[in-house]
Amino acid sequence: MRGWASPPESGTNAAQPVPAAPDLLMIMDAGAALNALAKFFQNSQTLTREEFSLLVSKSQNRDSGRKP
């Protein structure tokens, strides 16, 4: 079995692994993330990548407005 770093054999169309983006978000609470996005789009029509990252990151905070 070949490792991930090995180049593909010439002439093959094998899928190459894609390295994870260094700024990849870890979404632990998908419901909170979707809630935050839904609230955002009630008043806005566009969302930049930076805004998305900030919005989702804030939604994952355990103290993001939820009551115990």
N, C-alpha and C. Protein backbone atom coordinates (compact mmCIF):
# COMPACT_ATOMS: atom_id res chain seq x y z
N MET A 1 0.85 -1.19 0.00
CA MET A 1 0.00 0.00 0.00
C MET A 1 0.88 1.24 0.00
N ARG A 2 0.56 2.21 -0.83
CA ARG A 2 1.37 3.41 -0.92
C ARG A 2 0.93 4.44 0.11
N GLY A 3 1.86 5.29 0.55
CA GLY A 3 1.55 6.36 1.51
C GLY A 3 0.93 7.55 0.80
N TRP A 4 0.41 8.47 1.55
CA TRP A 4 -0.25 9.65 1.00
C TRP A 4 0.72 10.54 0.22
N ALA A 5 2.00 10.52 0.58
CA ALA A 5 2.95 11.42 -0.06
C ALA A 5 3.46 10.89 -1.39
N SER A 6 3.17 9.65 -1.72
CA SER A 6 3.66 9.07 -2.97
C SER A 6 2.96 9.70 -4.16
N PRO A 7 3.70 10.03 -5.20
CA PRO A 7 3.05 10.59 -6.39
C PRO A 7 2.26 9.51 -7.11
N PRO A 8 1.22 9.88 -7.82
CA PRO A 8 0.43 8.87 -8.55
C PRO A 8 1.23 8.30 -9.70
N GLU A 9 0.90 7.08 -10.07
CA GLU A 9 1.55 6.48 -11.23
C GLU A 9 1.09 7.24 -12.46
N SER A 10 1.97 7.42 -13.41
CA SER A 10 1.60 8.17 -14.60
C SER A 10 0.47 7.45 -15.34
N GLY A 11 -0.47 8.25 -15.84
CA GLY A 11 -1.56 7.67 -16.60
C GLY A 11 -2.76 7.29 -15.75
N THR A 12 -2.70 7.44 -14.44
CA THR A 12 -3.85 7.10 -13.60
C THR A 12 -4.64 8.35 -13.25
N ASN A 13 -5.89 8.17 -12.97
CA ASN A 13 -6.74 9.27 -12.56
C ASN A 13 -7.13 9.13 -11.09
N ALA A 14 -6.25 8.60 -10.30
CA ALA A 14 -6.54 8.38 -8.88
C ALA A 14 -6.74 9.71 -8.18
N ALA A 15 -7.72 9.75 -7.30
CA ALA A 15 -7.99 10.97 -6.53
C ALA A 15 -6.85 11.22 -5.56
N GLN A 16 -6.43 12.45 -5.49
CA GLN A 16 -5.35 12.82 -4.59
C GLN A 16 -5.96 13.38 -3.31
N PRO A 17 -5.38 13.09 -2.15
CA PRO A 17 -5.90 13.64 -0.91
C PRO A 17 -5.71 15.15 -0.89
N VAL A 18 -6.68 15.83 -0.32
CA VAL A 18 -6.63 17.28 -0.22
C VAL A 18 -6.26 17.64 1.20
N PRO A 19 -5.20 18.40 1.40
CA PRO A 19 -4.82 18.77 2.76
C PRO A 19 -5.88 19.68 3.38
N ALA A 20 -6.08 19.52 4.66
CA ALA A 20 -7.06 20.34 5.37
C ALA A 20 -6.59 21.78 5.42
N ALA A 21 -7.52 22.70 5.30
CA ALA A 21 -7.19 24.11 5.40
C ALA A 21 -6.79 24.43 6.83
N PRO A 22 -5.76 25.24 7.01
CA PRO A 22 -5.30 25.53 8.37
C PRO A 22 -6.34 26.27 9.21
N ASP A 23 -7.28 26.97 8.56
CA ASP A 23 -8.29 27.71 9.30
C ASP A 23 -9.63 26.97 9.33
N LEU A 24 -9.60 25.66 9.16
CA LEU A 24 -10.80 24.85 9.15
C LEU A 24 -11.53 24.95 10.49
N LEU A 25 -12.82 25.20 10.45
CA LEU A 25 -13.61 25.33 11.67
C LEU A 25 -13.97 23.97 12.24
N MET A 26 -13.94 23.86 13.55
CA MET A 26 -14.39 22.64 14.21
C MET A 26 -15.80 22.93 14.74
N ILE A 27 -16.79 22.34 14.10
CA ILE A 27 -18.18 22.57 14.50
C ILE A 27 -18.61 21.41 15.38
N MET A 28 -18.78 21.71 16.66
CA MET A 28 -19.19 20.70 17.63
C MET A 28 -20.71 20.73 17.83
N ASP A 29 -21.32 21.89 17.66
CA ASP A 29 -22.76 22.05 17.85
C ASP A 29 -23.37 22.55 16.55
N ALA A 30 -23.73 21.62 15.67
CA ALA A 30 -24.25 21.99 14.36
C ALA A 30 -25.55 22.79 14.47
N GLY A 31 -26.38 22.46 15.44
CA GLY A 31 -27.63 23.19 15.63
C GLY A 31 -27.40 24.65 15.93
N ALA A 32 -26.43 24.93 16.79
CA ALA A 32 -26.11 26.32 17.13
C ALA A 32 -25.56 27.06 15.92
N ALA A 33 -24.74 26.39 15.12
CA ALA A 33 -24.18 27.00 13.92
C ALA A 33 -25.29 27.34 12.92
N LEU A 34 -26.20 26.40 12.70
CA LEU A 34 -27.31 26.65 11.77
C LEU A 34 -28.23 27.75 12.28
N ASN A 35 -28.46 27.78 13.57
CA ASN A 35 -29.27 28.82 14.18
C ASN A 35 -28.66 30.20 13.93
N ALA A 36 -27.35 30.31 14.16
CA ALA A 36 -26.66 31.58 13.96
C ALA A 36 -26.73 32.01 12.50
N LEU A 37 -26.56 31.06 11.59
CA LEU A 37 -26.65 31.38 10.16
C LEU A 37 -28.06 31.81 9.76
N ALA A 38 -29.06 31.13 10.28
CA ALA A 38 -30.45 31.48 9.97
C ALA A 38 -30.76 32.89 10.46
N LYS A 39 -30.32 33.23 11.66
CA LYS A 39 -30.55 34.58 12.19
C LYS A 39 -29.84 35.62 11.34
N PHE A 40 -28.62 35.31 10.91
CA PHE A 40 -27.87 36.25 10.08
C PHE A 40 -28.62 36.53 8.79
N PHE A 41 -29.12 35.49 8.13
CA PHE A 41 -29.76 35.66 6.83
C PHE A 41 -31.18 36.22 6.92
N GLN A 42 -31.71 36.39 8.12
CA GLN A 42 -32.99 37.08 8.25
C GLN A 42 -32.85 38.55 7.88
N ASN A 43 -31.64 39.11 8.09
CA ASN A 43 -31.41 40.53 7.84
C ASN A 43 -30.39 40.80 6.75
N SER A 44 -29.67 39.80 6.29
CA SER A 44 -28.61 40.00 5.30
C SER A 44 -28.75 39.01 4.15
N GLN A 45 -28.18 39.36 3.02
CA GLN A 45 -28.26 38.49 1.85
C GLN A 45 -26.94 37.86 1.49
N THR A 46 -25.83 38.46 1.91
CA THR A 46 -24.51 37.92 1.57
C THR A 46 -23.68 37.72 2.82
N LEU A 47 -22.76 36.80 2.72
CA LEU A 47 -21.90 36.45 3.85
C LEU A 47 -20.52 36.14 3.32
N THR A 48 -19.52 36.90 3.77
CA THR A 48 -18.15 36.63 3.33
C THR A 48 -17.60 35.43 4.09
N ARG A 49 -16.50 34.88 3.61
CA ARG A 49 -15.87 33.75 4.28
C ARG A 49 -15.44 34.15 5.70
N GLU A 50 -14.92 35.36 5.85
CA GLU A 50 -14.49 35.83 7.16
C GLU A 50 -15.68 35.97 8.11
N GLU A 51 -16.79 36.52 7.60
CA GLU A 51 -18.00 36.65 8.42
C GLU A 51 -18.53 35.28 8.82
N PHE A 52 -18.50 34.34 7.88
CA PHE A 52 -18.95 32.98 8.16
C PHE A 52 -18.12 32.36 9.28
N SER A 53 -16.80 32.46 9.16
CA SER A 53 -15.91 31.89 10.17
C SER A 53 -16.17 32.51 11.54
N LEU A 54 -16.31 33.81 11.59
CA LEU A 54 -16.56 34.49 12.86
C LEU A 54 -17.91 34.10 13.44
N LEU A 55 -18.93 34.08 12.60
CA LEU A 55 -20.28 33.74 13.04
C LEU A 55 -20.35 32.32 13.60
N VAL A 56 -19.78 31.37 12.87
CA VAL A 56 -19.81 29.98 13.32
C VAL A 56 -18.95 29.80 14.57
N SER A 57 -17.79 30.43 14.61
CA SER A 57 -16.92 30.32 15.79
C SER A 57 -17.64 30.84 17.03
N LYS A 58 -18.29 31.97 16.90
CA LYS A 58 -19.03 32.53 18.04
C LYS A 58 -20.18 31.61 18.45
N SER A 59 -20.80 30.95 17.50
CA SER A 59 -21.94 30.08 17.82
C SER A 59 -21.50 28.84 18.60
N GLN A 60 -20.23 28.48 18.50
CA GLN A 60 -19.73 27.29 19.18
C GLN A 60 -19.34 27.57 20.62
N ASN A 61 -19.35 28.82 21.02
CA ASN A 61 -19.06 29.20 22.40
C ASN A 61 -20.19 28.70 23.29
N ARG A 62 -19.87 27.99 24.33
CA ARG A 62 -20.90 27.44 25.23
C ARG A 62 -21.73 28.53 25.89
N ASP A 63 -21.20 29.73 25.99
CA ASP A 63 -21.92 30.84 26.61
C ASP A 63 -22.54 31.74 25.56
N SER A 64 -22.95 31.18 24.44
CA SER A 64 -23.47 31.99 23.33
C SER A 64 -24.96 32.32 23.47
N GLY A 65 -25.39 32.54 24.70
CA GLY A 65 -26.76 32.95 24.89
C GLY A 65 -27.69 31.84 25.29
N ARG A 66 -27.18 30.65 25.42
CA ARG A 66 -28.03 29.53 25.84
C ARG A 66 -28.19 29.54 27.34
N LYS A 67 -29.35 29.20 27.78
CA LYS A 67 -29.61 29.11 29.22
C LYS A 67 -29.41 27.69 29.68
N PRO A 68 -28.76 27.49 30.84
CA PRO A 68 -28.54 26.13 31.34
C PRO A 68 -29.80 25.39 31.68
